[in-house]
């Protein structure tokens, strides 16, 4: 299983990205945290923003499609997109994920 993160500026965008990913079978679950505070540099200036963080749980065979969809529909010019492989996933959760995948 893979876990991917992105952030958006408002709850409506977070809900839209999460619901679309699950409805299209690109992610088996998406959790939304926030608001969280992000500090970063943008166009040479230090910035601070409240954002909502999305954590997508994805089976390996859907990761490329999930990334393409999120990057194509994300409201940011340069969206955060971080992906890691889960080192261990509980067998019951993994079975649930596979059983509820539309792929």
C-alpha atoms as a PDB file:
ATOM      1  CA  UNK A   1       0.000   0.000   0.000  1.00  0.00           C
ATOM      2  CA  UNK A   2       1.083   3.578  -0.684  1.00  0.00           C
ATOM      3  CA  UNK A   3       0.287   6.737   1.260  1.00  0.00           C
ATOM      4  CA  UNK A   4       0.284  10.069  -0.554  1.00  0.00           C
ATOM      5  CA  UNK A   5      -0.134  13.566   0.839  1.00  0.00           C
ATOM      6  CA  UNK A   6      -1.159  16.926  -0.492  1.00  0.00           C
ATOM      7  CA  UNK A   7      -2.496  20.143   0.991  1.00  0.00           C
ATOM      8  CA  UNK A   8      -5.145  22.631  -0.119  1.00  0.00           C
ATOM      9  CA  UNK A   9      -6.279  26.018   1.139  1.00  0.00           C
ATOM     10  CA  UNK A  10      -9.886  25.191   2.017  1.00  0.00           C
ATOM     11  CA  UNK A  11     -12.128  22.386   3.208  1.00  0.00           C
ATOM     12  CA  UNK A  12     -14.269  22.397   0.068  1.00  0.00           C
ATOM     13  CA  UNK A  13     -11.268  21.574  -2.133  1.00  0.00           C
ATOM     14  CA  UNK A  14     -10.139  18.915   0.347  1.00  0.00           C
ATOM     15  CA  UNK A  15     -13.571  17.277   0.349  1.00  0.00           C
ATOM     16  CA  UNK A  16     -13.773  17.426  -3.459  1.00  0.00           C
ATOM     17  CA  UNK A  17     -10.364  15.798  -4.000  1.00  0.00           C
ATOM     18  CA  UNK A  18     -11.039  13.127  -1.365  1.00  0.00           C
ATOM     19  CA  UNK A  19     -14.531  12.233  -2.575  1.00  0.00           C
ATOM     20  CA  UNK A  20     -13.452  12.111  -6.234  1.00  0.00           C
ATOM     21  CA  UNK A  21     -10.456   9.868  -5.493  1.00  0.00           C
ATOM     22  CA  UNK A  22     -12.604   7.366  -3.592  1.00  0.00           C
ATOM     23  CA  UNK A  23     -15.516   7.498  -6.056  1.00  0.00           C
ATOM     24  CA  UNK A  24     -13.163   6.816  -8.983  1.00  0.00           C
ATOM     25  CA  UNK A  25     -11.446   3.951  -7.161  1.00  0.00           C
ATOM     26  CA  UNK A  26      -8.090   5.739  -7.108  1.00  0.00           C
ATOM     27  CA  UNK A  27      -7.786   5.626  -3.309  1.00  0.00           C
ATOM     28  CA  UNK A  28      -9.386   3.237  -0.844  1.00  0.00           C
ATOM     29  CA  UNK A  29      -9.492   5.882   1.892  1.00  0.00           C
ATOM     30  CA  UNK A  30      -8.641   9.561   2.244  1.00  0.00           C
ATOM     31  CA  UNK A  31      -8.268  11.320   5.570  1.00  0.00           C
ATOM     32  CA  UNK A  32      -8.447  15.092   5.917  1.00  0.00           C
ATOM     33  CA  UNK A  33      -6.596  16.886   8.725  1.00  0.00           C
ATOM     34  CA  UNK A  34      -6.749  20.520   9.522  1.00  0.00           C
ATOM     35  CA  UNK A  35      -6.456  23.176   9.397  1.00  0.00           C
ATOM     36  CA  UNK A  36      -2.700  22.766   9.768  1.00  0.00           C
ATOM     37  CA  UNK A  37      -0.224  25.636   9.575  1.00  0.00           C
ATOM     38  CA  UNK A  38       2.383  25.543   6.819  1.00  0.00           C
ATOM     39  CA  UNK A  39       5.497  27.731   6.639  1.00  0.00           C
ATOM     40  CA  UNK A  40       7.325  27.814   3.302  1.00  0.00           C
ATOM     41  CA  UNK A  41       9.003  30.061   0.756  1.00  0.00           C
ATOM     42  CA  UNK A  42       7.089  31.092  -2.365  1.00  0.00           C
ATOM     43  CA  UNK A  43       8.521  33.355  -5.057  1.00  0.00           C
ATOM     44  CA  UNK A  44      11.330  34.413  -2.723  1.00  0.00           C
ATOM     45  CA  UNK A  45       9.142  35.323   0.251  1.00  0.00           C
ATOM     46  CA  UNK A  46       8.507  33.526   3.521  1.00  0.00           C
ATOM     47  CA  UNK A  47       4.847  32.498   3.707  1.00  0.00           C
ATOM     48  CA  UNK A  48       2.508  31.161   6.381  1.00  0.00           C
ATOM     49  CA  UNK A  49      -0.808  29.564   5.467  1.00  0.00           C
ATOM     50  CA  UNK A  50      -3.537  27.499   7.050  1.00  0.00           C
ATOM     51  CA  UNK A  51      -4.197  24.459   4.910  1.00  0.00           C
ATOM     52  CA  UNK A  52      -6.002  21.133   4.956  1.00  0.00           C
ATOM     53  CA  UNK A  53      -3.833  18.032   4.578  1.00  0.00           C
ATOM     54  CA  UNK A  54      -5.110  14.981   2.715  1.00  0.00           C
ATOM     55  CA  UNK A  55      -3.668  11.498   3.242  1.00  0.00           C
ATOM     56  CA  UNK A  56      -4.593   9.095   0.429  1.00  0.00           C
ATOM     57  CA  UNK A  57      -4.309   5.321   0.978  1.00  0.00           C
ATOM     58  CA  UNK A  58      -3.760   3.690  -2.375  1.00  0.00           C
ATOM     59  CA  UNK A  59      -3.055   0.238  -3.766  1.00  0.00           C
ATOM     60  CA  UNK A  60       0.069   0.048  -5.954  1.00  0.00           C
ATOM     61  CA  UNK A  61      -1.803  -0.526  -9.206  1.00  0.00           C
ATOM     62  CA  UNK A  62      -3.756   2.750  -8.775  1.00  0.00           C
ATOM     63  CA  UNK A  63      -0.931   5.078  -7.700  1.00  0.00           C
ATOM     64  CA  UNK A  64      -0.059   6.472 -11.148  1.00  0.00           C
ATOM     65  CA  UNK A  65      -3.713   7.192 -11.932  1.00  0.00           C
ATOM     66  CA  UNK A  66      -4.229   8.818  -8.522  1.00  0.00           C
ATOM     67  CA  UNK A  67      -1.207  11.077  -9.013  1.00  0.00           C
ATOM     68  CA  UNK A  68      -2.298  12.088 -12.505  1.00  0.00           C
ATOM     69  CA  UNK A  69      -5.818  12.928 -11.314  1.00  0.00           C
ATOM     70  CA  UNK A  70      -4.733  14.901  -8.252  1.00  0.00           C
ATOM     71  CA  UNK A  71      -2.124  16.925 -10.140  1.00  0.00           C
ATOM     72  CA  UNK A  72      -4.590  17.644 -12.965  1.00  0.00           C
ATOM     73  CA  UNK A  73      -7.390  18.834 -10.657  1.00  0.00           C
ATOM     74  CA  UNK A  74      -5.447  20.408  -7.779  1.00  0.00           C
ATOM     75  CA  UNK A  75      -6.122  24.123  -7.262  1.00  0.00           C
ATOM     76  CA  UNK A  76      -2.450  25.003  -6.567  1.00  0.00           C
ATOM     77  CA  UNK A  77       0.028  25.959  -9.282  1.00  0.00           C
ATOM     78  CA  UNK A  78       2.673  23.772  -7.581  1.00  0.00           C
ATOM     79  CA  UNK A  79       0.906  21.231  -5.380  1.00  0.00           C
ATOM     80  CA  UNK A  80       2.660  19.275  -2.687  1.00  0.00           C
ATOM     81  CA  UNK A  81       2.697  15.592  -3.669  1.00  0.00           C
ATOM     82  CA  UNK A  82       4.600  13.231  -1.390  1.00  0.00           C
ATOM     83  CA  UNK A  83       4.285   9.458  -1.622  1.00  0.00           C
ATOM     84  CA  UNK A  84       5.705   6.713   0.578  1.00  0.00           C
ATOM     85  CA  UNK A  85       5.326   2.961   0.600  1.00  0.00           C
ATOM     86  CA  UNK A  86       3.829   1.616   3.802  1.00  0.00           C
ATOM     87  CA  UNK A  87       6.386  -0.724   5.338  1.00  0.00           C
ATOM     88  CA  UNK A  88       3.704  -2.727   7.078  1.00  0.00           C
ATOM     89  CA  UNK A  89      -0.072  -2.833   6.692  1.00  0.00           C
ATOM     90  CA  UNK A  90      -2.298  -4.865   8.978  1.00  0.00           C
ATOM     91  CA  UNK A  91      -3.661  -7.884   7.114  1.00  0.00           C
ATOM     92  CA  UNK A  92      -7.294  -7.095   7.959  1.00  0.00           C
ATOM     93  CA  UNK A  93      -6.944  -3.522   6.696  1.00  0.00           C
ATOM     94  CA  UNK A  94      -5.152  -4.650   3.547  1.00  0.00           C
ATOM     95  CA  UNK A  95      -7.828  -7.279   2.893  1.00  0.00           C
ATOM     96  CA  UNK A  96     -10.506  -4.624   3.374  1.00  0.00           C
ATOM     97  CA  UNK A  97      -8.665  -2.296   0.972  1.00  0.00           C
ATOM     98  CA  UNK A  98      -8.335  -4.976  -1.696  1.00  0.00           C
ATOM     99  CA  UNK A  99     -11.948  -6.055  -1.248  1.00  0.00           C
ATOM    100  CA  UNK A 100     -13.201  -2.490  -1.612  1.00  0.00           C
ATOM    101  CA  UNK A 101     -11.010  -1.481  -4.519  1.00  0.00           C
ATOM    102  CA  UNK A 102     -12.898  -0.954  -7.760  1.00  0.00           C
ATOM    103  CA  UNK A 103      -9.787  -1.777  -9.804  1.00  0.00           C
END
